[in-house]
Protein backbone atom coordinates (compact mmCIF):
# COMPACT_ATOMS: atom_id res chain seq x y z
CA MET A 1 0.00 0.00 0.00
CA MET A 2 1.26 3.49 -0.87
CA ALA A 3 1.48 6.19 1.80
CA HIS A 4 -1.19 8.87 1.56
CA GLU A 5 1.56 11.50 1.45
CA GLU A 6 3.06 9.85 -1.63
CA ILE A 7 -0.31 9.75 -3.38
CA ALA A 8 -0.93 13.39 -2.51
CA HIS A 9 2.54 14.33 -3.77
CA ARG A 10 1.91 12.56 -7.09
CA PHE A 11 -1.52 14.07 -7.70
CA ASP A 12 -1.27 17.56 -6.18
CA PHE A 13 -0.51 20.58 -8.33
CA HIS A 14 3.13 21.64 -8.11
CA PRO A 15 3.54 25.20 -9.41
CA ALA A 16 7.02 26.40 -10.27
CA SER A 17 8.02 28.00 -6.99
CA THR A 18 11.21 29.73 -8.15
CA ASP A 19 12.51 31.53 -11.21
CA GLU A 20 15.08 28.75 -11.54
CA LYS A 21 12.35 26.08 -11.77
CA ARG A 22 10.38 28.18 -14.27
CA GLY A 23 13.54 28.46 -16.36
CA GLU A 24 14.17 24.72 -16.17
CA HIS A 25 10.60 24.02 -17.33
CA GLY A 26 11.07 26.36 -20.28
CA SER A 27 14.43 24.86 -21.14
CA ILE A 28 13.00 21.34 -21.20
CA ARG A 29 10.04 22.45 -23.32
CA GLU A 30 12.29 24.23 -25.82
CA ALA A 31 14.70 21.28 -26.13
CA CYS A 32 11.82 18.87 -26.69
CA LYS A 33 10.17 21.20 -29.18
CA ALA A 34 13.42 21.47 -31.16
CA LEU A 35 13.73 17.69 -31.28
CA ALA A 36 10.05 17.34 -32.23
CA LEU A 37 10.58 19.71 -35.16
CA LYS A 38 13.69 17.75 -36.23
CA LEU A 39 11.81 14.45 -36.04
CA ASP A 40 8.85 15.91 -37.92
CA ASP A 41 11.15 16.98 -40.76
CA ALA A 42 13.31 13.84 -40.80
CA LEU A 43 10.79 11.03 -40.37
CA PRO A 44 8.21 9.79 -42.84
CA ASN A 45 4.61 10.10 -41.75
CA GLY A 46 3.19 7.01 -40.14
CA ARG A 47 2.60 5.18 -36.91
CA GLU A 48 6.28 5.16 -35.95
CA LYS A 49 6.63 8.92 -36.31
CA ALA A 50 3.42 9.53 -34.38
CA THR A 51 4.65 7.21 -31.62
CA ALA A 52 8.06 8.88 -31.48
CA LEU A 53 6.43 12.31 -31.10
CA THR A 54 4.03 11.00 -28.45
CA LYS A 55 6.88 9.45 -26.47
CA LEU A 56 8.86 12.70 -26.73
CA GLU A 57 5.83 14.57 -25.40
CA GLU A 58 5.62 12.07 -22.52
CA ALA A 59 9.32 12.58 -21.80
CA MET A 60 8.72 16.33 -21.64
CA PHE A 61 5.79 15.89 -19.24
CA TRP A 62 7.72 13.52 -16.96
CA SER A 63 10.80 15.75 -17.05
CA ASN A 64 8.75 18.76 -16.00
CA ALA A 65 7.03 16.66 -13.33
CA ALA A 66 10.46 15.74 -11.95
CA ILE A 67 11.35 19.43 -11.72
CA ALA A 68 8.00 20.39 -10.19
CA ARG A 69 7.86 17.53 -7.70
CA ALA A 70 11.44 17.92 -6.44
CA LYS A 71 11.40 18.58 -2.71
């Protein structure tokens, strides 16, 4: 069983509390966007490309969650 504090930590909203964290979020988003544009140009349309872009989007979300959730 997971501790209630852990569940709360995972599901609560974690706003960027410092300028440094806001900058890190932006940096991650920009890096992922640049790669997404590269992949969009380089890869043929199809399931594989769509999956690659989806997984990159997931990586961006999880990266920003790691920044936001850091204690």
